[in-house]
Amino acid sequence: MRIKYLFILPGVLLLLFLGYPLIKMIFNVDPKILLDTAKEKEVMDSIMLTLRASLFSTIAALFTGIPLAYIFARKEFPGKKFLEGLIDIPVIIPHTAVGIALLSAWGRHSHINKLTGINIVGTEAAISMAMFFVSVPFLVNSVKSGFRLIDPRYENTAITLGASPWQAFYTVSLPMVKKSVISGSIMMWGRGISEFGAVIILAYHPVTAPVLIFERFQNFGLQYALPVTVIMIGISLVIFFLVRIYEGQK
């Protein structure tokens, strides 16, 4: 028996496990109720806030995460393993703990607030910050892996031909990891829009889509939360599908 046939069954079971709840949920929602829910200002505001906040956090990570990923991929220095582990911590620790940590660092009684008067709690900036914290490892690790696959000799050749180190990075290395950047950005953006634990502690209001779903489920039950859930999943699937098509064409 060919090995591919041995792999079909567990693969099908995995796909069924992932797909069945989503399909069942979609068919459990009345189309009219779904349309009425989509017209609600509260729902649309929460979805747009979620998409926007996660996009801002991803853009911020592109400017901070790509340079760090490059350093991790190219340089050896004392404490490197510790710092790489620090980047991975948000994937491991409970995200409610992330919210508490951010609240203690940026909240009303924090040193930052006492020194600057800045208190971001309950703002869109706080939502983006929470999303950034929990999702940035996906971008950094994806881009780091991309840089590690590139032979440093390409950059060195560019430098010997007269390019500065910055020019060699920008014109040679960065274009070669474009797919890693796109993939990492997609994963970070997607992880950000799904964040609940850190967001609800740092900024319960304004309400993001995951918080709204929880709020409606808690107050009114499953049937009231389902339409918002279906809308959010549908929007996410469409955007991911379009981005994947774009990625595959490059």
C-alpha atoms as a PDB file:
ATOM      1  CA  MET A   1       0.000   0.000   0.000  1.00  0.00           C
ATOM      2  CA  ARG A   2       1.370   3.374  -0.970  1.00  0.00           C
ATOM      3  CA  ILE A   3       2.179   5.704   1.871  1.00  0.00           C
ATOM      4  CA  LYS A   4      -0.152   8.421   0.527  1.00  0.00           C
ATOM      5  CA  TYR A   5      -3.152   6.175   1.190  1.00  0.00           C
ATOM      6  CA  LEU A   6      -2.001   5.678   4.778  1.00  0.00           C
ATOM      7  CA  PHE A   7      -1.935   9.454   5.187  1.00  0.00           C
ATOM      8  CA  ILE A   8      -5.338  10.136   3.631  1.00  0.00           C
ATOM      9  CA  LEU A   9      -7.422   8.944   6.589  1.00  0.00           C
ATOM     10  CA  PRO A  10      -5.758  11.037   9.334  1.00  0.00           C
ATOM     11  CA  GLY A  11      -5.710  13.992   6.961  1.00  0.00           C
ATOM     12  CA  VAL A  12      -9.429  13.641   6.254  1.00  0.00           C
ATOM     13  CA  LEU A  13     -10.151  13.330   9.980  1.00  0.00           C
ATOM     14  CA  LEU A  14      -8.241  16.533  10.651  1.00  0.00           C
ATOM     15  CA  LEU A  15     -10.094  18.405   7.892  1.00  0.00           C
ATOM     16  CA  LEU A  16     -13.435  17.155   9.206  1.00  0.00           C
ATOM     17  CA  PHE A  17     -12.534  18.210  12.726  1.00  0.00           C
ATOM     18  CA  LEU A  18     -11.717  21.719  11.513  1.00  0.00           C
ATOM     19  CA  GLY A  19     -14.402  22.084   8.897  1.00  0.00           C
ATOM     20  CA  TYR A  20     -17.482  20.493  10.465  1.00  0.00           C
ATOM     21  CA  PRO A  21     -18.017  23.085  13.265  1.00  0.00           C
ATOM     22  CA  LEU A  22     -17.593  25.948  10.784  1.00  0.00           C
ATOM     23  CA  ILE A  23     -19.985  24.468   8.225  1.00  0.00           C
ATOM     24  CA  LYS A  24     -22.545  23.577  10.884  1.00  0.00           C
ATOM     25  CA  MET A  25     -22.361  27.072  12.345  1.00  0.00           C
ATOM     26  CA  ILE A  26     -22.889  28.713   8.946  1.00  0.00           C
ATOM     27  CA  PHE A  27     -25.948  26.586   8.136  1.00  0.00           C
ATOM     28  CA  ASN A  28     -27.405  27.185  11.597  1.00  0.00           C
ATOM     29  CA  VAL A  29     -27.792  30.909  10.951  1.00  0.00           C
ATOM     30  CA  ASP A  30     -30.865  32.214   9.152  1.00  0.00           C
ATOM     31  CA  PRO A  31     -29.734  34.313   6.118  1.00  0.00           C
ATOM     32  CA  LYS A  32     -32.213  37.076   7.030  1.00  0.00           C
ATOM     33  CA  ILE A  33     -30.857  37.277  10.575  1.00  0.00           C
ATOM     34  CA  LEU A  34     -27.331  37.307   9.166  1.00  0.00           C
ATOM     35  CA  LEU A  35     -28.191  40.205   6.856  1.00  0.00           C
ATOM     36  CA  ASP A  36     -29.916  42.148   9.635  1.00  0.00           C
ATOM     37  CA  THR A  37     -26.917  41.615  11.904  1.00  0.00           C
ATOM     38  CA  ALA A  38     -24.544  42.832   9.193  1.00  0.00           C
ATOM     39  CA  LYS A  39     -26.528  46.071   9.016  1.00  0.00           C
ATOM     40  CA  GLU A  40     -26.118  46.792  12.735  1.00  0.00           C
ATOM     41  CA  LYS A  41     -23.819  49.725  13.361  1.00  0.00           C
ATOM     42  CA  GLU A  42     -22.392  48.148  16.513  1.00  0.00           C
ATOM     43  CA  VAL A  43     -21.397  45.026  14.607  1.00  0.00           C
ATOM     44  CA  MET A  44     -19.804  46.844  11.684  1.00  0.00           C
ATOM     45  CA  ASP A  45     -17.990  49.273  13.985  1.00  0.00           C
ATOM     46  CA  SER A  46     -16.527  46.413  16.020  1.00  0.00           C
ATOM     47  CA  ILE A  47     -15.404  44.511  12.922  1.00  0.00           C
ATOM     48  CA  MET A  48     -13.793  47.564  11.320  1.00  0.00           C
ATOM     49  CA  LEU A  49     -12.068  48.400  14.609  1.00  0.00           C
ATOM     50  CA  THR A  50     -10.705  44.857  14.840  1.00  0.00           C
ATOM     51  CA  LEU A  51      -9.385  44.804  11.281  1.00  0.00           C
ATOM     52  CA  ARG A  52      -7.925  48.303  11.585  1.00  0.00           C
ATOM     53  CA  ALA A  53      -6.221  47.768  14.948  1.00  0.00           C
ATOM     54  CA  SER A  54      -4.647  44.508  13.805  1.00  0.00           C
ATOM     55  CA  LEU A  55      -3.481  46.134  10.567  1.00  0.00           C
ATOM     56  CA  PHE A  56      -1.803  48.966  12.493  1.00  0.00           C
ATOM     57  CA  SER A  57      -0.066  46.471  14.790  1.00  0.00           C
ATOM     58  CA  THR A  58       1.185  44.515  11.765  1.00  0.00           C
ATOM     59  CA  ILE A  59       2.518  47.658  10.082  1.00  0.00           C
ATOM     60  CA  ALA A  60       4.356  48.577  13.282  1.00  0.00           C
ATOM     61  CA  ALA A  61       5.846  45.079  13.392  1.00  0.00           C
ATOM     62  CA  LEU A  62       7.159  45.388   9.831  1.00  0.00           C
ATOM     63  CA  PHE A  63       9.317  48.349  10.882  1.00  0.00           C
ATOM     64  CA  THR A  64      10.508  46.797  14.136  1.00  0.00           C
ATOM     65  CA  GLY A  65      10.346  43.049  13.517  1.00  0.00           C
ATOM     66  CA  ILE A  66      12.140  42.793  10.169  1.00  0.00           C
ATOM     67  CA  PRO A  67      15.374  44.448  11.435  1.00  0.00           C
ATOM     68  CA  LEU A  68      15.311  42.233  14.535  1.00  0.00           C
ATOM     69  CA  ALA A  69      14.703  39.120  12.429  1.00  0.00           C
ATOM     70  CA  TYR A  70      17.664  40.059  10.246  1.00  0.00           C
ATOM     71  CA  ILE A  71      19.933  40.451  13.278  1.00  0.00           C
ATOM     72  CA  PHE A  72      18.806  37.093  14.679  1.00  0.00           C
ATOM     73  CA  ALA A  73      19.435  35.405  11.326  1.00  0.00           C
ATOM     74  CA  ARG A  74      22.807  36.969  10.565  1.00  0.00           C
ATOM     75  CA  LYS A  75      24.556  37.783  13.838  1.00  0.00           C
ATOM     76  CA  GLU A  76      25.861  35.829  16.800  1.00  0.00           C
ATOM     77  CA  PHE A  77      26.140  37.626  20.138  1.00  0.00           C
ATOM     78  CA  PRO A  78      25.875  36.903  23.872  1.00  0.00           C
ATOM     79  CA  GLY A  79      22.297  36.523  25.043  1.00  0.00           C
ATOM     80  CA  LYS A  80      20.929  35.824  21.570  1.00  0.00           C
ATOM     81  CA  LYS A  81      19.103  32.644  22.629  1.00  0.00           C
ATOM     82  CA  PHE A  82      17.518  34.476  25.542  1.00  0.00           C
ATOM     83  CA  LEU A  83      16.258  37.255  23.273  1.00  0.00           C
ATOM     84  CA  GLU A  84      14.905  34.756  20.744  1.00  0.00           C
ATOM     85  CA  GLY A  85      13.105  33.062  23.607  1.00  0.00           C
ATOM     86  CA  LEU A  86      11.739  36.429  24.713  1.00  0.00           C
ATOM     87  CA  ILE A  87      10.163  36.880  21.280  1.00  0.00           C
ATOM     88  CA  ASP A  88       8.457  33.483  21.611  1.00  0.00           C
ATOM     89  CA  ILE A  89       7.048  34.070  25.104  1.00  0.00           C
ATOM     90  CA  PRO A  90       3.738  35.611  23.928  1.00  0.00           C
ATOM     91  CA  VAL A  91       2.931  32.328  22.156  1.00  0.00           C
ATOM     92  CA  ILE A  92       3.307  30.383  25.396  1.00  0.00           C
ATOM     93  CA  ILE A  93       1.912  32.454  28.246  1.00  0.00           C
ATOM     94  CA  PRO A  94      -1.852  32.910  28.826  1.00  0.00           C
ATOM     95  CA  HIS A  95      -3.050  36.000  27.024  1.00  0.00           C
ATOM     96  CA  THR A  96      -4.952  37.193  30.052  1.00  0.00           C
ATOM     97  CA  ALA A  97      -1.520  37.355  31.703  1.00  0.00           C
ATOM     98  CA  VAL A  98      -0.353  39.457  28.751  1.00  0.00           C
ATOM     99  CA  GLY A  99      -3.227  41.846  29.394  1.00  0.00           C
ATOM    100  CA  ILE A 100      -2.311  42.128  33.076  1.00  0.00           C
ATOM    101  CA  ALA A 101       1.352  42.745  32.201  1.00  0.00           C
ATOM    102  CA  LEU A 102       0.480  45.472  29.694  1.00  0.00           C
ATOM    103  CA  LEU A 103      -1.962  47.017  32.137  1.00  0.00           C
ATOM    104  CA  SER A 104       0.691  47.198  34.841  1.00  0.00           C
ATOM    105  CA  ALA A 105       3.164  48.755  32.383  1.00  0.00           C
ATOM    106  CA  TRP A 106       0.837  51.252  30.707  1.00  0.00           C
ATOM    107  CA  GLY A 107      -2.121  51.658  33.054  1.00  0.00           C
ATOM    108  CA  ARG A 108      -3.259  54.487  35.273  1.00  0.00           C
ATOM    109  CA  HIS A 109      -0.876  53.597  38.113  1.00  0.00           C
ATOM    110  CA  SER A 110       2.163  52.725  35.989  1.00  0.00           C
ATOM    111  CA  HIS A 111       5.485  54.565  36.047  1.00  0.00           C
ATOM    112  CA  ILE A 112       4.944  55.584  32.415  1.00  0.00           C
ATOM    113  CA  ASN A 113       1.663  57.235  33.348  1.00  0.00           C
ATOM    114  CA  LYS A 114       3.220  59.025  36.319  1.00  0.00           C
ATOM    115  CA  LEU A 115       6.127  60.327  34.223  1.00  0.00           C
ATOM    116  CA  THR A 116       4.285  61.251  31.025  1.00  0.00           C
ATOM    117  CA  GLY A 117       0.596  61.343  31.906  1.00  0.00           C
ATOM    118  CA  ILE A 118      -0.028  58.850  29.080  1.00  0.00           C
ATOM    119  CA  ASN A 119      -2.758  56.323  29.823  1.00  0.00           C
ATOM    120  CA  ILE A 120      -3.748  54.262  26.800  1.00  0.00           C
ATOM    121  CA  VAL A 121      -6.150  51.927  28.620  1.00  0.00           C
ATOM    122  CA  GLY A 122      -9.526  51.814  26.912  1.00  0.00           C
ATOM    123  CA  THR A 123      -8.257  53.220  23.607  1.00  0.00           C
ATOM    124  CA  GLU A 124      -7.723  51.856  20.118  1.00  0.00           C
ATOM    125  CA  ALA A 125      -3.986  52.204  20.704  1.00  0.00           C
ATOM    126  CA  ALA A 126      -4.294  49.784  23.622  1.00  0.00           C
ATOM    127  CA  ILE A 127      -6.084  47.272  21.387  1.00  0.00           C
ATOM    128  CA  SER A 128      -3.330  47.497  18.764  1.00  0.00           C
ATOM    129  CA  MET A 129      -0.704  47.144  21.477  1.00  0.00           C
ATOM    130  CA  ALA A 130      -2.325  43.987  22.848  1.00  0.00           C
ATOM    131  CA  MET A 131      -2.609  42.539  19.343  1.00  0.00           C
ATOM    132  CA  PHE A 132       1.012  43.450  18.616  1.00  0.00           C
ATOM    133  CA  PHE A 133       2.279  41.753  21.760  1.00  0.00           C
ATOM    134  CA  VAL A 134       0.575  38.405  21.180  1.00  0.00           C
ATOM    135  CA  SER A 135       1.078  38.167  17.417  1.00  0.00           C
ATOM    136  CA  VAL A 136       4.504  39.653  16.614  1.00  0.00           C
ATOM    137  CA  PRO A 137       6.333  36.293  17.066  1.00  0.00           C
ATOM    138  CA  PHE A 138       4.634  35.017  13.897  1.00  0.00           C
ATOM    139  CA  LEU A 139       6.139  37.801  11.798  1.00  0.00           C
ATOM    140  CA  VAL A 140       9.607  37.808  13.379  1.00  0.00           C
ATOM    141  CA  ASN A 141      10.029  34.023  13.202  1.00  0.00           C
ATOM    142  CA  SER A 142       8.759  33.807   9.622  1.00  0.00           C
ATOM    143  CA  VAL A 143      11.113  36.527   8.389  1.00  0.00           C
ATOM    144  CA  LYS A 144      14.018  35.131  10.438  1.00  0.00           C
ATOM    145  CA  SER A 145      13.575  31.749   8.761  1.00  0.00           C
ATOM    146  CA  GLY A 146      13.507  33.472   5.376  1.00  0.00           C
ATOM    147  CA  PHE A 147      16.774  35.323   6.004  1.00  0.00           C
ATOM    148  CA  ARG A 148      18.446  32.123   7.212  1.00  0.00           C
ATOM    149  CA  LEU A 149      17.696  30.469   3.877  1.00  0.00           C
ATOM    150  CA  ILE A 150      19.569  33.193   1.975  1.00  0.00           C
ATOM    151  CA  ASP A 151      23.288  32.770   1.475  1.00  0.00           C
ATOM    152  CA  PRO A 152      25.097  35.846   2.909  1.00  0.00           C
ATOM    153  CA  ARG A 153      27.346  35.770  -0.148  1.00  0.00           C
ATOM    154  CA  TYR A 154      24.630  37.536  -2.149  1.00  0.00           C
ATOM    155  CA  GLU A 155      24.912  40.558   0.143  1.00  0.00           C
ATOM    156  CA  ASN A 156      28.695  40.362   0.237  1.00  0.00           C
ATOM    157  CA  THR A 157      28.833  40.330  -3.558  1.00  0.00           C
ATOM    158  CA  ALA A 158      26.633  43.423  -3.726  1.00  0.00           C
ATOM    159  CA  ILE A 159      28.897  45.194  -1.237  1.00  0.00           C
ATOM    160  CA  THR A 160      32.039  44.302  -3.199  1.00  0.00           C
ATOM    161  CA  LEU A 161      30.360  45.796  -6.277  1.00  0.00           C
ATOM    162  CA  GLY A 162      29.988  49.116  -4.484  1.00  0.00           C
ATOM    163  CA  ALA A 163      26.687  48.877  -2.624  1.00  0.00           C
ATOM    164  CA  SER A 164      26.477  50.028   0.985  1.00  0.00           C
ATOM    165  CA  PRO A 165      25.351  47.481   3.622  1.00  0.00           C
ATOM    166  CA  TRP A 166      21.940  49.206   3.680  1.00  0.00           C
ATOM    167  CA  GLN A 167      21.652  49.040  -0.118  1.00  0.00           C
ATOM    168  CA  ALA A 168      22.663  45.374  -0.079  1.00  0.00           C
ATOM    169  CA  PHE A 169      19.979  44.652   2.502  1.00  0.00           C
ATOM    170  CA  TYR A 170      17.236  46.690   0.823  1.00  0.00           C
ATOM    171  CA  THR A 171      17.887  45.682  -2.791  1.00  0.00           C
ATOM    172  CA  VAL A 172      19.149  42.109  -2.383  1.00  0.00           C
ATOM    173  CA  SER A 173      18.145  40.425   0.863  1.00  0.00           C
ATOM    174  CA  LEU A 174      14.762  42.010   1.545  1.00  0.00           C
ATOM    175  CA  PRO A 175      13.253  41.196  -1.879  1.00  0.00           C
ATOM    176  CA  MET A 176      14.406  37.593  -1.477  1.00  0.00           C
ATOM    177  CA  VAL A 177      12.399  37.180   1.743  1.00  0.00           C
ATOM    178  CA  LYS A 178       9.269  38.856   0.342  1.00  0.00           C
ATOM    179  CA  LYS A 179       7.205  35.677   0.631  1.00  0.00           C
ATOM    180  CA  SER A 180       8.316  35.186   4.234  1.00  0.00           C
ATOM    181  CA  VAL A 181       7.350  38.788   5.007  1.00  0.00           C
ATOM    182  CA  ILE A 182       3.932  38.371   3.377  1.00  0.00           C
ATOM    183  CA  SER A 183       3.315  35.029   5.078  1.00  0.00           C
ATOM    184  CA  GLY A 184       4.403  36.343   8.476  1.00  0.00           C
ATOM    185  CA  SER A 185       2.278  39.475   8.038  1.00  0.00           C
ATOM    186  CA  ILE A 186      -0.788  37.381   7.181  1.00  0.00           C
ATOM    187  CA  MET A 187      -0.276  35.188  10.226  1.00  0.00           C
ATOM    188  CA  MET A 188       0.283  38.179  12.484  1.00  0.00           C
ATOM    189  CA  TRP A 189      -2.722  40.051  11.134  1.00  0.00           C
ATOM    190  CA  GLY A 190      -4.916  36.976  11.492  1.00  0.00           C
ATOM    191  CA  ARG A 191      -3.716  36.265  15.010  1.00  0.00           C
ATOM    192  CA  GLY A 192      -4.307  39.879  15.948  1.00  0.00           C
ATOM    193  CA  ILE A 193      -7.945  40.001  14.829  1.00  0.00           C
ATOM    194  CA  SER A 194      -8.690  36.864  16.854  1.00  0.00           C
ATOM    195  CA  GLU A 195      -7.181  38.182  20.092  1.00  0.00           C
ATOM    196  CA  PHE A 196      -9.513  38.278  23.079  1.00  0.00           C
ATOM    197  CA  GLY A 197      -7.764  37.710  26.413  1.00  0.00           C
ATOM    198  CA  ALA A 198      -5.258  40.564  26.344  1.00  0.00           C
ATOM    199  CA  VAL A 199      -7.658  42.973  24.639  1.00  0.00           C
ATOM    200  CA  ILE A 200     -10.535  42.523  27.081  1.00  0.00           C
ATOM    201  CA  ILE A 201      -8.269  43.389  30.030  1.00  0.00           C
ATOM    202  CA  LEU A 202      -6.505  46.324  28.419  1.00  0.00           C
ATOM    203  CA  ALA A 203      -9.473  47.791  26.521  1.00  0.00           C
ATOM    204  CA  TYR A 204     -12.935  46.306  27.079  1.00  0.00           C
ATOM    205  CA  HIS A 205     -14.251  49.341  25.230  1.00  0.00           C
ATOM    206  CA  PRO A 206     -14.157  50.243  22.367  1.00  0.00           C
ATOM    207  CA  VAL A 207     -15.487  46.767  21.600  1.00  0.00           C
ATOM    208  CA  THR A 208     -13.641  44.545  19.141  1.00  0.00           C
ATOM    209  CA  ALA A 209     -15.393  41.731  17.284  1.00  0.00           C
ATOM    210  CA  PRO A 210     -14.149  38.898  19.586  1.00  0.00           C
ATOM    211  CA  VAL A 211     -15.262  40.881  22.654  1.00  0.00           C
ATOM    212  CA  LEU A 212     -18.650  41.608  21.048  1.00  0.00           C
ATOM    213  CA  ILE A 213     -19.155  37.909  20.300  1.00  0.00           C
ATOM    214  CA  PHE A 214     -18.342  37.031  23.915  1.00  0.00           C
ATOM    215  CA  GLU A 215     -20.580  39.803  25.224  1.00  0.00           C
ATOM    216  CA  ARG A 216     -23.565  38.691  23.133  1.00  0.00           C
ATOM    217  CA  PHE A 217     -23.032  35.034  24.012  1.00  0.00           C
ATOM    218  CA  GLN A 218     -22.774  35.821  27.718  1.00  0.00           C
ATOM    219  CA  ASN A 219     -25.794  38.115  27.801  1.00  0.00           C
ATOM    220  CA  PHE A 220     -28.134  36.581  25.223  1.00  0.00           C
ATOM    221  CA  GLY A 221     -26.899  33.074  24.403  1.00  0.00           C
ATOM    222  CA  LEU A 222     -25.532  31.134  21.458  1.00  0.00           C
ATOM    223  CA  GLN A 223     -28.091  32.090  18.816  1.00  0.00           C
ATOM    224  CA  TYR A 224     -27.461  35.806  19.320  1.00  0.00           C
ATOM    225  CA  ALA A 225     -23.671  35.391  19.077  1.00  0.00           C
ATOM    226  CA  LEU A 226     -23.687  33.121  16.010  1.00  0.00           C
ATOM    227  CA  PRO A 227     -24.455  35.745  13.307  1.00  0.00           C
ATOM    228  CA  VAL A 228     -21.581  38.002  14.372  1.00  0.00           C
ATOM    229  CA  THR A 229     -19.277  34.974  14.478  1.00  0.00           C
ATOM    230  CA  VAL A 230     -20.256  33.911  10.959  1.00  0.00           C
ATOM    231  CA  ILE A 231     -19.752  37.428   9.593  1.00  0.00           C
ATOM    232  CA  MET A 232     -16.322  37.709  11.170  1.00  0.00           C
ATOM    233  CA  ILE A 233     -15.211  34.305   9.919  1.00  0.00           C
ATOM    234  CA  GLY A 234     -16.532  35.094   6.439  1.00  0.00           C
ATOM    235  CA  ILE A 235     -14.625  38.381   6.230  1.00  0.00           C
ATOM    236  CA  SER A 236     -11.443  36.715   7.463  1.00  0.00           C
ATOM    237  CA  LEU A 237     -11.726  33.866   4.953  1.00  0.00           C
ATOM    238  CA  VAL A 238     -12.280  36.230   2.024  1.00  0.00           C
ATOM    239  CA  ILE A 239      -9.312  38.431   2.925  1.00  0.00           C
ATOM    240  CA  PHE A 240      -7.022  35.462   3.553  1.00  0.00           C
ATOM    241  CA  PHE A 241      -8.112  33.876   0.282  1.00  0.00           C
ATOM    242  CA  LEU A 242      -7.372  37.043  -1.707  1.00  0.00           C
ATOM    243  CA  VAL A 243      -4.002  37.554  -0.021  1.00  0.00           C
ATOM    244  CA  ARG A 244      -3.021  33.928  -0.644  1.00  0.00           C
ATOM    245  CA  ILE A 245      -3.890  34.329  -4.332  1.00  0.00           C
ATOM    246  CA  TYR A 246      -1.717  37.453  -4.464  1.00  0.00           C
ATOM    247  CA  GLU A 247       1.108  35.642  -2.664  1.00  0.00           C
ATOM    248  CA  GLY A 248       0.942  32.720  -5.078  1.00  0.00           C
ATOM    249  CA  GLN A 249       1.272  34.993  -8.098  1.00  0.00           C
ATOM    250  CA  LYS A 250       4.552  36.468  -6.919  1.00  0.00           C
END
